[in-house]
Amino acid sequence: MAIFAVDLMNMVFISWLKDEEITAAVGYAGAVLFFTTAFGIGLSIAVSAHVARAVGMRDLALARDKATSGLILGIGIGVVFSVVVWAALPQITGLLGAKGRTAELAVHFLRIVVPAQPFLMIGMIGGAILRSHGDARRAMMATVWGAVVNAALDPVFIFTFDWGLTGAAWASVASRVVIAGMALVPIWRHY
């Protein structure tokens, strides 16, 4: 839920700008990001199943191998997937019905956020690995800290720095990097 809360926070803060086209652009962007996030969730479920099975067999070396392979696969697929989505953003937003300035703003926002999707995928896969080891608290805290960072940076970037939509995008990027870091650090330290 914290991952999706980040997108909701962007929508709320952007709506305070009282510009309907910018608010609509974030809505279209949210639909695209929901799709890309769902892709990462599917990959994290697959990695979790493999790691949990190895942990259940008490084969921690195999669990490490599966976790490492899953993270490498996630990075590779995340980068390729992000490149494809990034290249097709005008067409994707057009298919969703965005037109004119709203479409341009949605593409602008997504051109900043989509390259950070591999970080979110790493964070989700890392969280799945942590849950596979029974460490649900650290897995949850990775996404919660990401949401906290977004909630803290959104008003600063949007209003204080007066970056508007661009600020919301950079706050989302920072959030994704934090999620990845908060998931990977406990894996390296403990598992």
N, C-alpha and C. Protein backbone atom coordinates (compact mmCIF):
# COMPACT_ATOMS: atom_id res chain seq x y z
N MET A 1 0.82 -1.20 0.00
CA MET A 1 0.00 0.00 0.00
C MET A 1 0.86 1.26 0.00
N ALA A 2 2.02 1.19 0.67
CA ALA A 2 2.88 2.37 0.74
C ALA A 2 3.37 2.77 -0.64
N ILE A 3 3.62 1.78 -1.49
CA ILE A 3 4.09 2.09 -2.85
C ILE A 3 3.03 2.90 -3.61
N PHE A 4 1.77 2.48 -3.48
CA PHE A 4 0.70 3.20 -4.16
C PHE A 4 0.37 4.51 -3.46
N ALA A 5 0.67 4.60 -2.16
CA ALA A 5 0.44 5.84 -1.42
C ALA A 5 1.32 6.95 -1.96
N VAL A 6 2.51 6.59 -2.45
CA VAL A 6 3.41 7.59 -3.04
C VAL A 6 2.73 8.29 -4.21
N ASP A 7 2.11 7.51 -5.09
CA ASP A 7 1.42 8.10 -6.23
C ASP A 7 0.21 8.92 -5.79
N LEU A 8 -0.48 8.47 -4.76
CA LEU A 8 -1.62 9.22 -4.23
C LEU A 8 -1.16 10.55 -3.64
N MET A 9 -0.03 10.54 -2.92
CA MET A 9 0.49 11.79 -2.35
C MET A 9 0.83 12.78 -3.45
N ASN A 10 1.43 12.29 -4.53
CA ASN A 10 1.73 13.18 -5.66
C ASN A 10 0.45 13.84 -6.15
N MET A 11 -0.60 13.04 -6.30
CA MET A 11 -1.88 13.56 -6.80
C MET A 11 -2.43 14.64 -5.85
N VAL A 12 -2.38 14.37 -4.55
CA VAL A 12 -2.92 15.32 -3.58
C VAL A 12 -2.14 16.64 -3.62
N PHE A 13 -0.82 16.55 -3.53
CA PHE A 13 -0.03 17.78 -3.52
C PHE A 13 -0.15 18.55 -4.84
N ILE A 14 -0.15 17.84 -5.93
CA ILE A 14 -0.28 18.51 -7.24
C ILE A 14 -1.66 19.17 -7.36
N SER A 15 -2.68 18.55 -6.82
CA SER A 15 -4.02 19.14 -6.91
C SER A 15 -4.08 20.49 -6.18
N TRP A 16 -3.22 20.69 -5.22
CA TRP A 16 -3.18 21.97 -4.50
C TRP A 16 -2.68 23.12 -5.38
N LEU A 17 -2.09 22.79 -6.52
CA LEU A 17 -1.65 23.83 -7.45
C LEU A 17 -2.84 24.45 -8.19
N LYS A 18 -3.99 23.79 -8.11
CA LYS A 18 -5.23 24.27 -8.73
C LYS A 18 -5.11 24.43 -10.24
N ASP A 19 -4.40 23.49 -10.87
CA ASP A 19 -4.28 23.46 -12.33
C ASP A 19 -4.81 22.11 -12.78
N GLU A 20 -5.99 22.13 -13.41
CA GLU A 20 -6.66 20.88 -13.78
C GLU A 20 -5.84 20.03 -14.75
N GLU A 21 -5.12 20.66 -15.66
CA GLU A 21 -4.33 19.89 -16.62
C GLU A 21 -3.18 19.16 -15.95
N ILE A 22 -2.53 19.82 -14.98
CA ILE A 22 -1.44 19.17 -14.25
C ILE A 22 -1.99 18.03 -13.41
N THR A 23 -3.10 18.25 -12.75
CA THR A 23 -3.72 17.20 -11.93
C THR A 23 -4.12 16.02 -12.80
N ALA A 24 -4.71 16.29 -13.95
CA ALA A 24 -5.09 15.22 -14.88
C ALA A 24 -3.85 14.47 -15.38
N ALA A 25 -2.77 15.21 -15.63
CA ALA A 25 -1.53 14.58 -16.10
C ALA A 25 -1.01 13.59 -15.06
N VAL A 26 -1.07 13.95 -13.79
CA VAL A 26 -0.62 13.04 -12.73
C VAL A 26 -1.54 11.82 -12.67
N GLY A 27 -2.81 12.02 -12.94
CA GLY A 27 -3.74 10.89 -12.99
C GLY A 27 -3.39 9.91 -14.10
N TYR A 28 -3.11 10.43 -15.28
CA TYR A 28 -2.69 9.56 -16.38
C TYR A 28 -1.36 8.88 -16.06
N ALA A 29 -0.45 9.65 -15.50
CA ALA A 29 0.85 9.07 -15.13
C ALA A 29 0.67 7.97 -14.10
N GLY A 30 -0.24 8.17 -13.15
CA GLY A 30 -0.50 7.16 -12.13
C GLY A 30 -0.99 5.85 -12.74
N ALA A 31 -1.79 5.95 -13.80
CA ALA A 31 -2.27 4.73 -14.46
C ALA A 31 -1.10 3.98 -15.10
N VAL A 32 -0.20 4.70 -15.73
CA VAL A 32 0.97 4.07 -16.36
C VAL A 32 1.86 3.47 -15.28
N LEU A 33 2.09 4.21 -14.19
CA LEU A 33 2.95 3.72 -13.12
C LEU A 33 2.33 2.52 -12.40
N PHE A 34 1.00 2.48 -12.33
CA PHE A 34 0.33 1.32 -11.73
C PHE A 34 0.66 0.06 -12.54
N PHE A 35 0.63 0.19 -13.86
CA PHE A 35 0.94 -0.93 -14.74
C PHE A 35 2.39 -1.38 -14.55
N THR A 36 3.32 -0.42 -14.54
CA THR A 36 4.73 -0.79 -14.40
C THR A 36 5.02 -1.36 -13.01
N THR A 37 4.34 -0.85 -12.00
CA THR A 37 4.50 -1.37 -10.64
C THR A 37 3.95 -2.78 -10.54
N ALA A 38 2.83 -3.03 -11.18
CA ALA A 38 2.24 -4.38 -11.17
C ALA A 38 3.20 -5.39 -11.80
N PHE A 39 3.91 -4.98 -12.81
CA PHE A 39 4.91 -5.84 -13.44
C PHE A 39 5.97 -6.22 -12.41
N GLY A 40 6.44 -5.25 -11.64
CA GLY A 40 7.42 -5.50 -10.60
C GLY A 40 6.90 -6.39 -9.50
N ILE A 41 5.63 -6.23 -9.15
CA ILE A 41 5.03 -7.08 -8.13
C ILE A 41 5.02 -8.53 -8.59
N GLY A 42 4.68 -8.75 -9.85
CA GLY A 42 4.68 -10.11 -10.39
C GLY A 42 6.05 -10.75 -10.32
N LEU A 43 7.07 -9.98 -10.67
CA LEU A 43 8.44 -10.49 -10.62
C LEU A 43 8.86 -10.77 -9.18
N SER A 44 8.46 -9.91 -8.26
CA SER A 44 8.83 -10.12 -6.85
C SER A 44 8.16 -11.37 -6.28
N ILE A 45 6.97 -11.69 -6.72
CA ILE A 45 6.29 -12.90 -6.27
C ILE A 45 7.06 -14.13 -6.74
N ALA A 46 7.52 -14.10 -7.98
CA ALA A 46 8.29 -15.23 -8.51
C ALA A 46 9.59 -15.44 -7.73
N VAL A 47 10.31 -14.35 -7.47
CA VAL A 47 11.56 -14.46 -6.72
C VAL A 47 11.28 -14.94 -5.30
N SER A 48 10.24 -14.42 -4.70
CA SER A 48 9.87 -14.83 -3.34
C SER A 48 9.60 -16.33 -3.26
N ALA A 49 8.90 -16.86 -4.24
CA ALA A 49 8.59 -18.29 -4.24
C ALA A 49 9.86 -19.13 -4.27
N HIS A 50 10.82 -18.73 -5.09
CA HIS A 50 12.08 -19.49 -5.20
C HIS A 50 12.91 -19.37 -3.93
N VAL A 51 13.03 -18.17 -3.38
CA VAL A 51 13.84 -17.96 -2.18
C VAL A 51 13.18 -18.64 -0.99
N ALA A 52 11.87 -18.50 -0.85
CA ALA A 52 11.17 -19.11 0.29
C ALA A 52 11.31 -20.63 0.26
N ARG A 53 11.26 -21.20 -0.90
CA ARG A 53 11.42 -22.65 -1.01
C ARG A 53 12.80 -23.08 -0.52
N ALA A 54 13.83 -22.35 -0.93
CA ALA A 54 15.20 -22.67 -0.50
C ALA A 54 15.35 -22.47 1.01
N VAL A 55 14.76 -21.39 1.53
CA VAL A 55 14.82 -21.16 2.98
C VAL A 55 14.08 -22.27 3.71
N GLY A 56 12.94 -22.69 3.18
CA GLY A 56 12.17 -23.78 3.78
C GLY A 56 12.95 -25.09 3.80
N MET A 57 13.80 -25.29 2.81
CA MET A 57 14.64 -26.50 2.76
C MET A 57 15.89 -26.33 3.63
N ARG A 58 16.01 -25.16 4.27
CA ARG A 58 17.16 -24.82 5.11
C ARG A 58 18.48 -24.80 4.32
N ASP A 59 18.37 -24.48 3.05
CA ASP A 59 19.54 -24.37 2.18
C ASP A 59 19.80 -22.88 1.94
N LEU A 60 20.49 -22.26 2.89
CA LEU A 60 20.68 -20.81 2.81
C LEU A 60 21.60 -20.40 1.66
N ALA A 61 22.51 -21.29 1.27
CA ALA A 61 23.36 -20.98 0.11
C ALA A 61 22.50 -20.90 -1.16
N LEU A 62 21.57 -21.84 -1.30
CA LEU A 62 20.66 -21.82 -2.45
C LEU A 62 19.76 -20.58 -2.38
N ALA A 63 19.32 -20.24 -1.17
CA ALA A 63 18.47 -19.05 -1.01
C ALA A 63 19.23 -17.80 -1.45
N ARG A 64 20.52 -17.70 -1.07
CA ARG A 64 21.33 -16.56 -1.51
C ARG A 64 21.48 -16.54 -3.02
N ASP A 65 21.71 -17.72 -3.61
CA ASP A 65 21.84 -17.80 -5.07
C ASP A 65 20.55 -17.35 -5.75
N LYS A 66 19.42 -17.84 -5.25
CA LYS A 66 18.12 -17.47 -5.84
C LYS A 66 17.85 -15.97 -5.66
N ALA A 67 18.21 -15.44 -4.48
CA ALA A 67 18.01 -14.00 -4.23
C ALA A 67 18.87 -13.16 -5.16
N THR A 68 20.13 -13.56 -5.30
CA THR A 68 21.05 -12.83 -6.18
C THR A 68 20.57 -12.89 -7.62
N SER A 69 20.20 -14.09 -8.07
CA SER A 69 19.70 -14.25 -9.44
C SER A 69 18.43 -13.41 -9.65
N GLY A 70 17.55 -13.43 -8.67
CA GLY A 70 16.31 -12.66 -8.77
C GLY A 70 16.57 -11.17 -8.86
N LEU A 71 17.51 -10.68 -8.05
CA LEU A 71 17.84 -9.25 -8.10
C LEU A 71 18.48 -8.87 -9.43
N ILE A 72 19.39 -9.71 -9.91
CA ILE A 72 20.02 -9.42 -11.21
C ILE A 72 18.98 -9.45 -12.32
N LEU A 73 18.12 -10.46 -12.30
CA LEU A 73 17.04 -10.54 -13.28
C LEU A 73 16.13 -9.32 -13.19
N GLY A 74 15.81 -8.93 -11.96
CA GLY A 74 14.96 -7.76 -11.76
C GLY A 74 15.58 -6.49 -12.32
N ILE A 75 16.89 -6.33 -12.10
CA ILE A 75 17.58 -5.15 -12.63
C ILE A 75 17.54 -5.18 -14.16
N GLY A 76 17.87 -6.32 -14.72
CA GLY A 76 17.89 -6.44 -16.19
C GLY A 76 16.52 -6.20 -16.81
N ILE A 77 15.54 -6.90 -16.30
CA ILE A 77 14.18 -6.74 -16.83
C ILE A 77 13.66 -5.33 -16.56
N GLY A 78 13.97 -4.81 -15.37
CA GLY A 78 13.53 -3.46 -15.02
C GLY A 78 14.08 -2.41 -15.96
N VAL A 79 15.35 -2.54 -16.30
CA VAL A 79 15.97 -1.56 -17.21
C VAL A 79 15.35 -1.68 -18.61
N VAL A 80 15.26 -2.90 -19.12
CA VAL A 80 14.70 -3.10 -20.47
C VAL A 80 13.25 -2.62 -20.50
N PHE A 81 12.47 -3.02 -19.50
CA PHE A 81 11.06 -2.63 -19.44
C PHE A 81 10.92 -1.11 -19.37
N SER A 82 11.76 -0.46 -18.55
CA SER A 82 11.69 1.00 -18.43
C SER A 82 12.05 1.69 -19.74
N VAL A 83 13.05 1.17 -20.45
CA VAL A 83 13.45 1.75 -21.73
C VAL A 83 12.29 1.66 -22.73
N VAL A 84 11.66 0.49 -22.79
CA VAL A 84 10.55 0.30 -23.73
C VAL A 84 9.39 1.23 -23.38
N VAL A 85 9.03 1.29 -22.10
CA VAL A 85 7.92 2.16 -21.68
C VAL A 85 8.29 3.62 -21.93
N TRP A 86 9.51 4.01 -21.58
CA TRP A 86 9.96 5.38 -21.76
C TRP A 86 9.85 5.80 -23.23
N ALA A 87 10.28 4.92 -24.12
CA ALA A 87 10.24 5.23 -25.55
C ALA A 87 8.81 5.35 -26.08
N ALA A 88 7.89 4.62 -25.47
CA ALA A 88 6.51 4.59 -25.96
C ALA A 88 5.57 5.49 -25.15
N LEU A 89 6.10 6.35 -24.29
CA LEU A 89 5.23 7.15 -23.43
C LEU A 89 4.20 8.00 -24.18
N PRO A 90 4.56 8.69 -25.26
CA PRO A 90 3.52 9.45 -25.96
C PRO A 90 2.37 8.57 -26.46
N GLN A 91 2.72 7.39 -26.97
CA GLN A 91 1.68 6.49 -27.47
C GLN A 91 0.85 5.92 -26.32
N ILE A 92 1.52 5.56 -25.22
CA ILE A 92 0.80 4.98 -24.07
C ILE A 92 -0.17 5.99 -23.48
N THR A 93 0.29 7.22 -23.27
CA THR A 93 -0.62 8.23 -22.71
C THR A 93 -1.74 8.56 -23.69
N GLY A 94 -1.43 8.52 -24.98
CA GLY A 94 -2.47 8.73 -25.99
C GLY A 94 -3.53 7.64 -25.95
N LEU A 95 -3.09 6.39 -25.79
CA LEU A 95 -4.04 5.28 -25.68
C LEU A 95 -4.95 5.43 -24.46
N LEU A 96 -4.42 6.04 -23.40
CA LEU A 96 -5.22 6.25 -22.20
C LEU A 96 -6.21 7.41 -22.36
N GLY A 97 -6.01 8.21 -23.41
CA GLY A 97 -6.94 9.30 -23.67
C GLY A 97 -6.39 10.69 -23.38
N ALA A 98 -5.14 10.79 -22.97
CA ALA A 98 -4.55 12.10 -22.70
C ALA A 98 -4.32 12.85 -24.00
N LYS A 99 -4.64 14.14 -23.99
CA LYS A 99 -4.51 14.96 -25.20
C LYS A 99 -3.92 16.32 -24.83
N GLY A 100 -3.32 16.95 -25.82
CA GLY A 100 -2.85 18.32 -25.67
C GLY A 100 -1.84 18.50 -24.56
N ARG A 101 -2.01 19.59 -23.83
CA ARG A 101 -1.08 19.92 -22.75
C ARG A 101 -1.07 18.85 -21.66
N THR A 102 -2.21 18.26 -21.38
CA THR A 102 -2.28 17.21 -20.36
C THR A 102 -1.38 16.04 -20.75
N ALA A 103 -1.43 15.64 -22.01
CA ALA A 103 -0.57 14.55 -22.48
C ALA A 103 0.90 14.93 -22.38
N GLU A 104 1.22 16.17 -22.76
CA GLU A 104 2.61 16.63 -22.67
C GLU A 104 3.10 16.61 -21.23
N LEU A 105 2.27 17.06 -20.31
CA LEU A 105 2.66 17.09 -18.90
C LEU A 105 2.81 15.67 -18.34
N ALA A 106 1.91 14.78 -18.72
CA ALA A 106 2.01 13.39 -18.26
C ALA A 106 3.29 12.76 -18.77
N VAL A 107 3.62 12.98 -20.02
CA VAL A 107 4.85 12.44 -20.59
C VAL A 107 6.07 13.05 -19.89
N HIS A 108 6.03 14.34 -19.63
CA HIS A 108 7.13 15.01 -18.92
C HIS A 108 7.35 14.35 -17.55
N PHE A 109 6.29 14.18 -16.79
CA PHE A 109 6.37 13.56 -15.47
C PHE A 109 6.93 12.14 -15.58
N LEU A 110 6.39 11.38 -16.51
CA LEU A 110 6.81 9.98 -16.66
C LEU A 110 8.23 9.85 -17.19
N ARG A 111 8.68 10.78 -18.00
CA ARG A 111 10.06 10.72 -18.51
C ARG A 111 11.07 10.84 -17.35
N ILE A 112 10.68 11.48 -16.27
CA ILE A 112 11.55 11.58 -15.09
C ILE A 112 11.41 10.34 -14.21
N VAL A 113 10.19 9.87 -14.01
CA VAL A 113 9.94 8.79 -13.04
C VAL A 113 10.24 7.40 -13.61
N VAL A 114 9.88 7.14 -14.84
CA VAL A 114 10.03 5.79 -15.41
C VAL A 114 11.46 5.26 -15.35
N PRO A 115 12.50 6.08 -15.60
CA PRO A 115 13.86 5.53 -15.47
C PRO A 115 14.19 5.04 -14.05
N ALA A 116 13.44 5.48 -13.05
CA ALA A 116 13.67 5.03 -11.67
C ALA A 116 12.88 3.76 -11.33
N GLN A 117 12.08 3.28 -12.27
CA GLN A 117 11.30 2.06 -11.99
C GLN A 117 12.17 0.86 -11.64
N PRO A 118 13.36 0.69 -12.23
CA PRO A 118 14.19 -0.44 -11.79
C PRO A 118 14.51 -0.39 -10.30
N PHE A 119 14.66 0.82 -9.74
CA PHE A 119 14.89 0.92 -8.30
C PHE A 119 13.68 0.40 -7.52
N LEU A 120 12.49 0.74 -8.01
CA LEU A 120 11.28 0.24 -7.34
C LEU A 120 11.20 -1.28 -7.47
N MET A 121 11.54 -1.80 -8.63
CA MET A 121 11.51 -3.25 -8.81
C MET A 121 12.52 -3.93 -7.89
N ILE A 122 13.71 -3.35 -7.76
CA ILE A 122 14.71 -3.90 -6.84
C ILE A 122 14.18 -3.86 -5.42
N GLY A 123 13.54 -2.76 -5.05
CA GLY A 123 12.97 -2.64 -3.71
C GLY A 123 11.88 -3.66 -3.46
N MET A 124 11.02 -3.88 -4.45
CA MET A 124 9.95 -4.87 -4.27
C MET A 124 10.52 -6.28 -4.21
N ILE A 125 11.48 -6.58 -5.06
CA ILE A 125 12.12 -7.91 -5.03
C ILE A 125 12.87 -8.08 -3.71
N GLY A 126 13.57 -7.02 -3.29
CA GLY A 126 14.27 -7.08 -2.00
C GLY A 126 13.31 -7.32 -0.85
N GLY A 127 12.17 -6.64 -0.88
CA GLY A 127 11.15 -6.86 0.15
C GLY A 127 10.64 -8.29 0.13
N ALA A 128 10.47 -8.84 -1.06
CA ALA A 128 10.02 -10.23 -1.18
C ALA A 128 11.06 -11.19 -0.61
N ILE A 129 12.33 -10.90 -0.85
CA ILE A 129 13.40 -11.74 -0.30
C ILE A 129 13.38 -11.66 1.22
N LEU A 130 13.21 -10.46 1.75
CA LEU A 130 13.13 -10.31 3.21
C LEU A 130 11.95 -11.09 3.79
N ARG A 131 10.79 -11.00 3.14
CA ARG A 131 9.62 -11.76 3.62
C ARG A 131 9.86 -13.26 3.52
N SER A 132 10.60 -13.69 2.51
CA SER A 132 10.92 -15.11 2.36
C SER A 132 11.73 -15.61 3.54
N HIS A 133 12.50 -14.73 4.13
CA HIS A 133 13.30 -15.08 5.31
C HIS A 133 12.51 -14.85 6.61
N GLY A 134 11.26 -14.47 6.50
CA GLY A 134 10.43 -14.22 7.67
C GLY A 134 10.63 -12.84 8.26
N ASP A 135 11.27 -11.94 7.52
CA ASP A 135 11.58 -10.60 8.01
C ASP A 135 10.58 -9.60 7.43
N ALA A 136 9.33 -9.78 7.79
CA ALA A 136 8.26 -8.94 7.23
C ALA A 136 8.39 -7.49 7.66
N ARG A 137 8.90 -7.25 8.86
CA ARG A 137 9.00 -5.88 9.35
C ARG A 137 9.95 -5.05 8.49
N ARG A 138 11.14 -5.57 8.21
CA ARG A 138 12.09 -4.82 7.38
C ARG A 138 11.54 -4.65 5.96
N ALA A 139 10.87 -5.66 5.45
CA ALA A 139 10.28 -5.56 4.12
C ALA A 139 9.25 -4.43 4.08
N MET A 140 8.42 -4.37 5.11
CA MET A 140 7.40 -3.33 5.18
C MET A 140 8.04 -1.95 5.35
N MET A 141 9.06 -1.87 6.19
CA MET A 141 9.66 -0.57 6.47
C MET A 141 10.36 0.03 5.24
N ALA A 142 10.82 -0.82 4.34
CA ALA A 142 11.44 -0.29 3.12
C ALA A 142 10.44 0.57 2.35
N THR A 143 9.23 0.06 2.17
CA THR A 143 8.22 0.83 1.43
C THR A 143 7.67 1.98 2.25
N VAL A 144 7.56 1.78 3.55
CA VAL A 144 7.08 2.87 4.41
C VAL A 144 8.05 4.04 4.37
N TRP A 145 9.36 3.76 4.47
CA TRP A 145 10.35 4.85 4.40
C TRP A 145 10.30 5.54 3.04
N GLY A 146 10.06 4.77 1.99
CA GLY A 146 9.91 5.39 0.67
C GLY A 146 8.75 6.36 0.64
N ALA A 147 7.64 5.96 1.24
CA ALA A 147 6.47 6.84 1.29
C ALA A 147 6.74 8.07 2.15
N VAL A 148 7.46 7.89 3.26
CA VAL A 148 7.79 9.02 4.13
C VAL A 148 8.68 10.02 3.39
N VAL A 149 9.66 9.52 2.66
CA VAL A 149 10.55 10.41 1.89
C VAL A 149 9.73 11.18 0.85
N ASN A 150 8.83 10.49 0.17
CA ASN A 150 8.00 11.17 -0.83
C ASN A 150 7.13 12.23 -0.17
N ALA A 151 6.52 11.89 0.97
CA ALA A 151 5.65 12.84 1.66
C ALA A 151 6.43 14.06 2.14
N ALA A 152 7.70 13.85 2.52
CA ALA A 152 8.51 14.97 2.98
C ALA A 152 9.02 15.83 1.82
N LEU A 153 9.40 15.18 0.73
CA LEU A 153 9.99 15.93 -0.39
C LEU A 153 8.96 16.58 -1.30
N ASP A 154 7.78 15.98 -1.43
CA ASP A 154 6.76 16.56 -2.32
C ASP A 154 6.50 18.03 -2.02
N PRO A 155 6.13 18.40 -0.79
CA PRO A 155 5.84 19.83 -0.57
C PRO A 155 7.07 20.72 -0.75
N VAL A 156 8.25 20.20 -0.40
CA VAL A 156 9.48 21.00 -0.56
C VAL A 156 9.75 21.24 -2.03
N PHE A 157 9.73 20.17 -2.83
CA PHE A 157 10.05 20.31 -4.25
C PHE A 157 8.94 21.04 -5.02
N ILE A 158 7.68 20.73 -4.70
CA ILE A 158 6.57 21.32 -5.45
C ILE A 158 6.36 22.79 -5.09
N PHE A 159 6.35 23.09 -3.78
CA PHE A 159 5.97 24.44 -3.35
C PHE A 159 7.17 25.31 -2.96
N THR A 160 8.08 24.78 -2.13
CA THR A 160 9.20 25.60 -1.67
C THR A 160 10.14 25.93 -2.81
N PHE A 161 10.54 24.91 -3.57
CA PHE A 161 11.43 25.15 -4.72
C PHE A 161 10.65 25.60 -5.96
N ASP A 162 9.33 25.54 -5.89
CA ASP A 162 8.44 25.95 -6.97
C ASP A 162 8.71 25.16 -8.27
N TRP A 163 8.94 23.84 -8.11
CA TRP A 163 9.19 22.98 -9.26
C TRP A 163 7.90 22.37 -9.80
N GLY A 164 6.80 22.48 -9.08
CA GLY A 164 5.52 21.96 -9.54
C GLY A 164 5.57 20.49 -9.88
N LEU A 165 5.11 20.15 -11.05
CA LEU A 165 5.03 18.76 -11.50
C LEU A 165 6.41 18.10 -11.53
N THR A 166 7.42 18.83 -11.94
CA THR A 166 8.78 18.30 -11.98
C THR A 166 9.24 17.93 -10.57
N GLY A 167 8.88 18.73 -9.59
CA GLY A 167 9.22 18.43 -8.20
C GLY A 167 8.58 17.15 -7.71
N ALA A 168 7.32 16.95 -8.08
CA ALA A 168 6.63 15.71 -7.70
C ALA A 168 7.32 14.50 -8.32
N ALA A 169 7.77 14.66 -9.56
CA ALA A 169 8.46 13.56 -10.23
C ALA A 169 9.77 13.23 -9.52
N TRP A 170 10.54 14.25 -9.16
CA TRP A 170 11.83 14.00 -8.49
C TRP A 170 11.63 13.44 -7.08
N ALA A 171 10.56 13.84 -6.42
CA ALA A 171 10.26 13.24 -5.11
C ALA A 171 9.95 11.75 -5.27
N SER A 172 9.26 11.40 -6.34
CA SER A 172 8.97 9.99 -6.61
C SER A 172 10.25 9.21 -6.91
N VAL A 173 11.17 9.82 -7.64
CA VAL A 173 12.44 9.16 -7.93
C VAL A 173 13.19 8.91 -6.62
N ALA A 174 13.26 9.92 -5.76
CA ALA A 174 13.95 9.75 -4.47
C ALA A 174 13.30 8.65 -3.66
N SER A 175 11.99 8.60 -3.68
CA SER A 175 11.26 7.56 -2.95
C SER A 175 11.64 6.17 -3.44
N ARG A 176 11.73 6.00 -4.74
CA ARG A 176 12.07 4.69 -5.31
C ARG A 176 13.50 4.28 -4.94
N VAL A 177 14.42 5.23 -4.93
CA VAL A 177 15.80 4.93 -4.55
C VAL A 177 15.86 4.52 -3.08
N VAL A 178 15.11 5.21 -2.23
CA VAL A 178 15.08 4.86 -0.80
C VAL A 178 14.50 3.46 -0.60
N ILE A 179 13.43 3.13 -1.30
CA ILE A 179 12.83 1.80 -1.18
C ILE A 179 13.86 0.72 -1.54
N ALA A 180 14.58 0.94 -2.63
CA ALA A 180 15.61 -0.04 -3.04
C ALA A 180 16.69 -0.16 -1.97
N GLY A 181 17.18 0.96 -1.50
CA GLY A 181 18.24 0.94 -0.49
C GLY A 181 17.79 0.30 0.82
N MET A 182 16.60 0.64 1.26
CA MET A 182 16.09 0.10 2.53
C MET A 182 15.79 -1.39 2.43
N ALA A 183 15.59 -1.91 1.24
CA ALA A 183 15.39 -3.35 1.07
C ALA A 183 16.71 -4.08 0.93
N LEU A 184 17.66 -3.47 0.22
CA LEU A 184 18.92 -4.16 -0.04
C LEU A 184 19.86 -4.21 1.16
N VAL A 185 19.91 -3.14 1.93
CA VAL A 185 20.84 -3.09 3.06
C VAL A 185 20.61 -4.24 4.05
N PRO A 186 19.37 -4.52 4.48
CA PRO A 186 19.19 -5.66 5.41
C PRO A 186 19.49 -7.01 4.77
N ILE A 187 19.28 -7.11 3.46
CA ILE A 187 19.61 -8.38 2.79
C ILE A 187 21.12 -8.61 2.87
N TRP A 188 21.90 -7.56 2.55
CA TRP A 188 23.35 -7.70 2.61
C TRP A 188 23.83 -7.95 4.04
N ARG A 189 23.24 -7.25 5.00
CA ARG A 189 23.70 -7.36 6.39
C ARG A 189 23.33 -8.68 7.06
N HIS A 190 22.13 -9.17 6.76
CA HIS A 190 21.59 -10.28 7.53
C HIS A 190 21.46 -11.61 6.76
N TYR A 191 21.33 -11.52 5.44
CA TYR A 191 21.00 -12.75 4.69
C TYR A 191 21.97 -13.02 3.57
